[in-house]
Amino acid sequence: MKKQKTSGIGFFEKYLSIWVIFCMVLGVIISKYIPRIPELLSKFEYANVSIPITILIWFMIYPMMMKVDFQSIKNVGKNPKGLFVTWVINWLIKPFTMFGIAYLFFYVIFSNLISPELAKDYLAGAVLLGAAPCTAMVFVWSTLTKGNPAYTVVQVATNDLIILVAFTPIVAFLLGVGGVEIPWATLIVSVILFVVVPLGAGILTRVIMIKKKGEIYFTQTYLPKFNQVTTIGLLLTLILLFSFQGNVIIHNPLHIILIAIPLIIQTFFIFFLAYFVSKLLKLPHDIAAPTGMIGASNFFELAVAVAISLFGAKSPVALATIVGVLVEVPVMLILVKIANGTKRWFSSHLQ
């Protein structure tokens, strides 16, 4: 029985990159040849948040949330260093390195390929991404790196609170725009849908199942049933995302590559910065890995919504934020592999 479960997990993990590429291509094909599907699904949204994607994200997050108990959340305060790393990286470093890297590429390295006007717009899109740390998908990356679920919840929740006060002034400062506005409905709905609802459902399930069947049944029999749910949800989400953005990819291949390069470099830089700082602080791997993932990934729902509300759905700024959506999953999966492959670096610090 145990051997069978292990082989099933190994199958998905071993070929996950292939499934990701397949789902990305499938999404673009659907967008090109069956456009009615994404057109219909795109109508189901509230405050620029896609309901179908939200449901799939619930499938990804729910298994992790069932592992959270209130006692472990209370214990987070006993080791707050991971929280401090997250806050410093996300709010005092990440937005400014994103600005610097994007400026270097758009205004200097790619100056012969794009106009100054486009450079300014692409820089704005990059800044919007850099100033919005991840809320939803980070739970997926944490699950794939066997992160501490309670600690990840607290890290994400505190970042969501900081977004309320820090996002607008940081974006306004970096872009020199005084009229930057947050679509509050998008932000509030996203936090409720991606954090509050799945966390509440997970904790409620945990309490009910342990009360009925006992903790041993819950941890050894019930939870393993959801081992593949996160991965399947991720793959289905990719198909949806790429079906929504298929036309953008087809009609802007060169510029998508140009925008993607600084975004990818920024993602790797921030991950390794947070990851190595966590190692220096002797944090365990199940805290260090999610800490790196939170900094590296972006709250793209918020970034895209702000870009559309400020500059328009067809603006180059919106395109830049959409590219952030397209590159995030493949790049983050690479970082997941790196984190899992370097777990031994932290073995001496595990309790």
Protein backbone atom coordinates (compact mmCIF):
# COMPACT_ATOMS: atom_id res chain seq x y z
CA MET A 1 0.00 0.00 0.00
CA LYS A 2 2.72 2.42 1.01
CA LYS A 3 4.76 1.49 -2.05
CA GLN A 4 1.80 2.15 -4.31
CA LYS A 5 1.28 5.62 -2.85
CA THR A 6 4.95 6.48 -3.22
CA SER A 7 5.01 5.41 -6.85
CA GLY A 8 1.91 7.52 -7.56
CA ILE A 9 3.46 10.63 -6.08
CA GLY A 10 6.74 9.97 -7.87
CA PHE A 11 4.93 9.69 -11.21
CA PHE A 12 3.49 13.20 -10.91
CA GLU A 13 6.65 14.74 -9.52
CA LYS A 14 8.92 13.09 -12.06
CA TYR A 15 6.94 14.28 -15.08
CA LEU A 16 5.47 17.50 -13.66
CA SER A 17 7.49 19.71 -16.04
CA ILE A 18 6.11 17.77 -19.01
CA TRP A 19 2.54 18.13 -17.73
CA VAL A 20 3.09 21.86 -17.21
CA ILE A 21 4.34 22.38 -20.78
CA PHE A 22 1.49 20.26 -22.14
CA CYS A 23 -1.12 22.27 -20.21
CA MET A 24 0.38 25.59 -21.32
CA VAL A 25 0.29 24.52 -24.98
CA LEU A 26 -3.21 23.08 -24.57
CA GLY A 27 -4.41 26.37 -23.10
CA VAL A 28 -3.06 28.35 -26.07
CA ILE A 29 -4.62 25.85 -28.52
CA ILE A 30 -8.00 26.20 -26.81
CA SER A 31 -7.70 30.00 -26.99
CA LYS A 32 -6.89 29.82 -30.71
CA TYR A 33 -9.31 27.16 -31.94
CA ILE A 34 -12.06 27.00 -29.29
CA PRO A 35 -12.21 30.65 -28.13
CA ARG A 36 -15.78 30.31 -26.91
CA ILE A 37 -14.61 28.32 -23.89
CA PRO A 38 -12.35 31.03 -22.40
CA GLU A 39 -14.78 33.73 -23.52
CA LEU A 40 -17.58 32.05 -21.57
CA LEU A 41 -15.46 31.32 -18.48
CA SER A 42 -14.00 34.84 -18.42
CA LYS A 43 -17.51 36.22 -17.83
CA PHE A 44 -17.62 34.53 -14.44
CA GLU A 45 -15.64 36.99 -12.36
CA TYR A 46 -16.12 39.43 -9.53
CA ALA A 47 -13.90 42.48 -8.92
CA ASN A 48 -11.50 41.21 -11.63
CA VAL A 49 -11.12 37.88 -9.80
CA SER A 50 -11.91 34.83 -11.94
CA ILE A 51 -14.37 32.50 -10.21
CA PRO A 52 -13.30 29.36 -12.17
CA ILE A 53 -9.64 29.97 -11.30
CA THR A 54 -10.62 30.66 -7.69
CA ILE A 55 -12.33 27.27 -7.49
CA LEU A 56 -9.25 25.53 -8.87
CA ILE A 57 -7.02 27.41 -6.43
CA TRP A 58 -9.26 26.17 -3.62
CA PHE A 59 -8.50 22.62 -4.78
CA MET A 60 -4.80 23.44 -4.58
CA ILE A 61 -4.90 25.17 -1.21
CA TYR A 62 -7.49 23.09 0.66
CA PRO A 63 -5.25 20.03 1.32
CA MET A 64 -2.61 22.25 2.91
CA MET A 65 -5.11 24.15 5.02
CA MET A 66 -6.34 20.89 6.54
CA LYS A 67 -2.87 20.46 8.06
CA VAL A 68 -3.17 23.72 10.00
CA ASP A 69 -4.23 23.65 13.65
CA PHE A 70 -4.59 26.60 16.01
CA GLN A 71 -1.88 25.35 18.36
CA SER A 72 0.73 25.40 15.59
CA ILE A 73 -0.35 28.92 14.64
CA LYS A 74 0.25 30.04 18.24
CA ASN A 75 3.73 28.52 18.12
CA VAL A 76 4.72 30.71 15.15
CA GLY A 77 5.47 33.53 17.59
CA LYS A 78 8.20 31.43 19.21
CA ASN A 79 10.28 31.63 16.02
CA PRO A 80 9.47 34.99 14.39
CA LYS A 81 12.67 35.26 12.32
CA GLY A 82 10.94 33.83 9.25
CA LEU A 83 8.30 36.53 9.49
CA PHE A 84 10.93 39.26 9.72
CA VAL A 85 12.72 37.89 6.64
CA THR A 86 9.45 37.86 4.70
CA TRP A 87 8.55 41.41 5.67
CA VAL A 88 11.98 42.89 4.94
CA ILE A 89 12.43 41.08 1.62
CA ASN A 90 8.91 41.81 0.36
CA TRP A 91 8.62 45.44 1.35
CA LEU A 92 12.10 46.95 1.78
CA ILE A 93 13.93 45.10 -1.00
CA LYS A 94 11.76 43.39 -3.62
CA PRO A 95 9.90 46.40 -5.11
CA PHE A 96 13.16 48.33 -5.50
CA THR A 97 15.18 45.49 -7.04
CA MET A 98 12.30 44.89 -9.45
CA PHE A 99 12.43 48.56 -10.45
CA GLY A 100 16.22 48.46 -10.87
CA ILE A 101 16.36 45.23 -12.88
CA ALA A 102 13.41 46.19 -15.09
CA TYR A 103 14.85 49.68 -15.69
CA LEU A 104 18.22 48.18 -16.69
CA PHE A 105 16.68 45.88 -19.26
CA PHE A 106 13.92 48.07 -20.71
CA TYR A 107 15.86 51.34 -20.86
CA VAL A 108 19.41 50.11 -21.45
CA ILE A 109 19.81 46.53 -22.67
CA PHE A 110 16.65 46.49 -24.82
CA SER A 111 16.80 50.16 -25.82
CA ASN A 112 17.25 49.25 -29.50
CA LEU A 113 14.28 46.89 -29.45
CA ILE A 114 11.58 48.91 -27.69
CA SER A 115 10.69 52.61 -27.63
CA PRO A 116 11.11 54.78 -24.51
CA GLU A 117 7.31 54.93 -24.23
CA LEU A 118 7.02 51.15 -24.18
CA ALA A 119 9.94 50.93 -21.76
CA LYS A 120 8.09 53.22 -19.36
CA ASP A 121 4.91 51.15 -19.62
CA TYR A 122 6.66 47.81 -19.20
CA LEU A 123 8.53 49.21 -16.21
CA ALA A 124 5.21 50.24 -14.65
CA GLY A 125 3.84 46.73 -15.10
CA ALA A 126 6.95 45.21 -13.54
CA VAL A 127 6.69 47.53 -10.53
CA LEU A 128 3.05 46.58 -9.98
CA LEU A 129 4.12 42.94 -9.87
CA GLY A 130 7.09 43.62 -7.60
CA ALA A 131 5.04 45.53 -5.05
CA ALA A 132 2.46 42.75 -4.60
CA PRO A 133 3.72 39.59 -2.81
CA CYS A 134 1.83 36.37 -3.42
CA THR A 135 -1.40 35.50 -1.60
CA ALA A 136 -2.82 32.33 -3.19
CA MET A 137 -0.30 30.32 -5.19
CA VAL A 138 2.31 30.45 -2.45
CA PHE A 139 0.29 27.82 -0.59
CA VAL A 140 0.84 25.52 -3.57
CA TRP A 141 4.60 26.12 -3.59
CA SER A 142 4.70 25.62 0.17
CA THR A 143 2.86 22.31 -0.18
CA LEU A 144 5.22 21.11 -2.92
CA THR A 145 8.24 21.90 -0.70
CA LYS A 146 6.58 20.35 2.37
CA GLY A 147 6.51 23.74 4.06
CA ASN A 148 5.13 24.42 7.51
CA PRO A 149 1.44 25.11 6.77
CA ALA A 150 0.73 27.16 9.91
CA TYR A 151 3.81 29.33 9.41
CA THR A 152 2.96 29.91 5.75
CA VAL A 153 -0.57 31.01 6.67
CA VAL A 154 0.77 33.60 9.13
CA GLN A 155 3.37 34.84 6.62
CA VAL A 156 0.72 35.32 3.94
CA ALA A 157 -1.82 36.87 6.32
CA THR A 158 0.64 39.47 7.65
CA ASN A 159 1.74 40.36 4.11
CA ASP A 160 -1.90 40.89 3.17
CA LEU A 161 -2.25 43.36 6.05
CA ILE A 162 0.90 45.21 4.96
CA ILE A 163 -0.40 45.43 1.37
CA LEU A 164 -3.29 47.53 2.65
CA VAL A 165 -0.96 50.34 3.72
CA ALA A 166 2.27 49.85 1.74
CA PHE A 167 1.26 48.94 -1.82
CA THR A 168 -0.03 52.36 -2.91
CA PRO A 169 2.81 54.56 -1.58
CA ILE A 170 5.52 52.20 -2.89
CA VAL A 171 4.03 52.05 -6.40
CA ALA A 172 3.39 55.80 -6.39
CA PHE A 173 6.99 56.49 -5.32
CA LEU A 174 8.62 54.18 -7.85
CA LEU A 175 6.46 55.26 -10.78
CA GLY A 176 6.26 58.90 -9.83
CA VAL A 177 2.49 58.68 -10.16
CA GLY A 178 0.45 60.45 -7.53
CA GLY A 179 -2.93 59.04 -8.53
CA VAL A 180 -2.28 55.33 -8.02
CA GLU A 181 -5.40 53.70 -6.66
CA ILE A 182 -5.91 50.22 -5.24
CA PRO A 183 -8.99 48.35 -6.47
CA TRP A 184 -10.04 47.60 -2.91
CA ALA A 185 -12.74 45.17 -3.99
CA THR A 186 -10.15 43.03 -5.80
CA LEU A 187 -7.80 43.07 -2.84
CA ILE A 188 -10.41 42.30 -0.19
CA VAL A 189 -12.19 39.64 -2.27
CA SER A 190 -8.85 37.97 -3.09
CA VAL A 191 -7.81 37.79 0.56
CA ILE A 192 -11.19 36.37 1.57
CA LEU A 193 -11.31 33.84 -1.28
CA PHE A 194 -7.67 32.72 -1.23
CA VAL A 195 -6.95 32.79 2.50
CA VAL A 196 -10.01 33.07 4.76
CA VAL A 197 -12.39 30.64 3.00
CA PRO A 198 -9.95 27.76 2.36
CA LEU A 199 -8.38 28.17 5.81
CA GLY A 200 -11.79 28.06 7.46
CA ALA A 201 -12.83 25.03 5.38
CA GLY A 202 -9.57 23.23 6.12
CA ILE A 203 -9.71 23.81 9.87
CA LEU A 204 -13.41 22.86 10.00
CA THR A 205 -12.70 19.63 8.12
CA ARG A 206 -9.80 18.85 10.44
CA VAL A 207 -11.87 19.37 13.57
CA ILE A 208 -14.83 17.33 12.30
CA MET A 209 -12.75 14.41 10.99
CA ILE A 210 -10.59 14.14 14.11
CA LYS A 211 -13.69 14.28 16.30
CA LYS A 212 -15.39 11.51 14.28
CA LYS A 213 -12.49 9.25 13.29
CA GLY A 214 -9.54 10.27 15.45
CA GLU A 215 -6.24 11.99 14.64
CA ILE A 216 -4.47 8.83 13.45
CA TYR A 217 -7.15 8.17 10.81
CA PHE A 218 -7.10 11.83 9.76
CA THR A 219 -3.32 12.06 9.30
CA GLN A 220 -2.60 8.58 7.93
CA THR A 221 -5.73 7.79 5.90
CA TYR A 222 -7.76 10.92 5.15
CA LEU A 223 -5.02 13.43 4.28
CA PRO A 224 -3.15 11.09 1.87
CA LYS A 225 -6.31 10.93 -0.27
CA PHE A 226 -5.59 14.55 -1.29
CA ASN A 227 -1.93 13.99 -2.27
CA GLN A 228 -2.59 14.54 -5.98
CA VAL A 229 -5.35 17.15 -5.68
CA THR A 230 -2.92 20.08 -5.47
CA THR A 231 -1.03 18.98 -8.59
CA ILE A 232 -4.18 18.32 -10.62
CA GLY A 233 -5.59 21.69 -9.57
CA LEU A 234 -2.35 23.37 -10.63
CA LEU A 235 -2.42 21.77 -14.09
CA LEU A 236 -6.07 22.68 -14.67
CA THR A 237 -5.35 26.25 -13.54
CA LEU A 238 -2.56 26.46 -16.11
CA ILE A 239 -4.90 25.39 -18.90
CA LEU A 240 -7.36 28.11 -17.88
CA LEU A 241 -4.74 30.85 -17.49
CA PHE A 242 -3.16 30.15 -20.87
CA SER A 243 -6.53 29.86 -22.59
CA PHE A 244 -7.42 33.31 -21.22
CA GLN A 245 -4.13 34.81 -22.46
CA GLY A 246 -3.64 32.78 -25.66
CA ASN A 247 -4.16 35.73 -28.01
CA VAL A 248 -1.68 37.84 -26.06
CA ILE A 249 0.95 35.13 -26.43
CA ILE A 250 0.30 34.58 -30.14
CA HIS A 251 0.33 38.26 -31.11
CA ASN A 252 3.21 39.48 -28.90
CA PRO A 253 5.84 36.70 -28.92
CA LEU A 254 8.97 38.91 -29.00
CA HIS A 255 7.79 41.43 -26.44
CA ILE A 256 6.62 38.67 -24.12
CA ILE A 257 10.17 37.30 -24.15
CA LEU A 258 11.65 40.76 -23.56
CA ILE A 259 9.33 41.38 -20.60
CA ALA A 260 9.83 37.88 -19.21
CA ILE A 261 13.63 38.12 -18.97
CA PRO A 262 13.88 40.76 -16.17
CA LEU A 263 10.88 39.23 -14.39
CA ILE A 264 12.56 35.82 -14.32
CA ILE A 265 15.88 37.26 -13.14
CA GLN A 266 14.09 39.14 -10.36
CA THR A 267 12.24 35.98 -9.30
CA PHE A 268 15.43 33.94 -8.97
CA PHE A 269 17.28 36.76 -7.21
CA ILE A 270 14.61 37.33 -4.58
CA PHE A 271 14.15 33.61 -3.93
CA PHE A 272 17.85 32.98 -3.35
CA LEU A 273 18.20 36.13 -1.25
CA ALA A 274 15.39 35.08 1.10
CA TYR A 275 16.49 31.42 1.02
CA PHE A 276 20.12 32.12 1.94
CA VAL A 277 19.19 34.68 4.58
CA SER A 278 16.93 32.03 6.11
CA LYS A 279 19.85 29.59 6.08
CA LEU A 280 22.11 32.14 7.76
CA LEU A 281 19.46 32.65 10.43
CA LYS A 282 19.34 28.84 10.90
CA LEU A 283 15.67 28.54 10.04
CA PRO A 284 14.41 25.02 9.30
CA HIS A 285 13.76 24.10 5.69
CA ASP A 286 9.98 23.98 6.13
CA ILE A 287 10.09 27.70 6.96
CA ALA A 288 12.98 28.75 4.68
CA ALA A 289 11.46 27.30 1.50
CA PRO A 290 8.05 29.04 1.81
CA THR A 291 9.83 32.24 2.84
CA GLY A 292 11.73 32.20 -0.44
CA MET A 293 8.60 31.31 -2.39
CA ILE A 294 6.53 34.15 -0.92
CA GLY A 295 9.13 36.72 -1.94
CA ALA A 296 9.68 35.24 -5.39
CA SER A 297 6.04 34.90 -6.42
CA ASN A 298 3.59 37.72 -7.02
CA PHE A 299 -0.01 38.64 -6.25
CA PHE A 300 -0.71 38.81 -9.98
CA GLU A 301 -4.49 39.16 -9.55
CA LEU A 302 -3.93 42.50 -7.82
CA ALA A 303 -1.22 43.64 -10.25
CA VAL A 304 -3.33 42.88 -13.32
CA ALA A 305 -6.41 44.54 -11.80
CA VAL A 306 -4.50 47.73 -10.96
CA ALA A 307 -2.91 47.83 -14.42
CA ILE A 308 -6.30 47.49 -16.10
CA SER A 309 -8.01 50.06 -13.87
CA LEU A 310 -5.22 52.64 -14.26
CA PHE A 311 -4.02 52.11 -17.82
CA GLY A 312 -6.64 50.02 -19.63
CA ALA A 313 -7.01 46.33 -20.52
CA LYS A 314 -5.13 46.66 -23.82
CA SER A 315 -2.29 48.81 -22.48
CA PRO A 316 1.38 47.72 -22.50
CA VAL A 317 1.30 48.00 -18.70
CA ALA A 318 -1.43 45.35 -18.53
CA LEU A 319 0.56 43.20 -20.97
CA ALA A 320 3.58 43.32 -18.65
CA THR A 321 1.53 42.16 -15.67
CA ILE A 322 -0.01 39.38 -17.76
CA VAL A 323 3.47 38.16 -18.69
CA GLY A 324 4.06 37.94 -14.96
CA VAL A 325 1.16 35.48 -14.81
CA LEU A 326 2.54 33.45 -17.71
CA VAL A 327 6.09 33.02 -16.39
CA GLU A 328 5.28 32.53 -12.72
CA VAL A 329 4.23 28.88 -12.65
CA PRO A 330 7.08 27.43 -14.76
CA VAL A 331 9.70 29.49 -12.92
CA MET A 332 8.28 28.73 -9.49
CA LEU A 333 8.26 25.00 -10.27
CA ILE A 334 11.98 25.26 -11.02
CA LEU A 335 12.48 26.95 -7.65
CA VAL A 336 10.44 24.21 -5.97
CA LYS A 337 12.85 21.65 -7.43
CA ILE A 338 15.83 23.69 -6.23
CA ALA A 339 14.35 24.02 -2.74
CA ASN A 340 13.60 20.30 -2.53
CA GLY A 341 17.04 19.42 -3.89
CA THR A 342 18.84 21.58 -1.31
CA LYS A 343 16.89 20.46 1.74
CA ARG A 344 20.06 18.84 3.13
CA TRP A 345 21.56 22.32 3.58
CA PHE A 346 19.12 22.82 6.41
CA SER A 347 19.22 19.34 7.94
CA SER A 348 21.54 20.34 10.77
CA HIS A 349 19.04 23.02 11.86
CA LEU A 350 15.96 20.82 12.00
CA GLN A 351 14.60 20.04 15.36
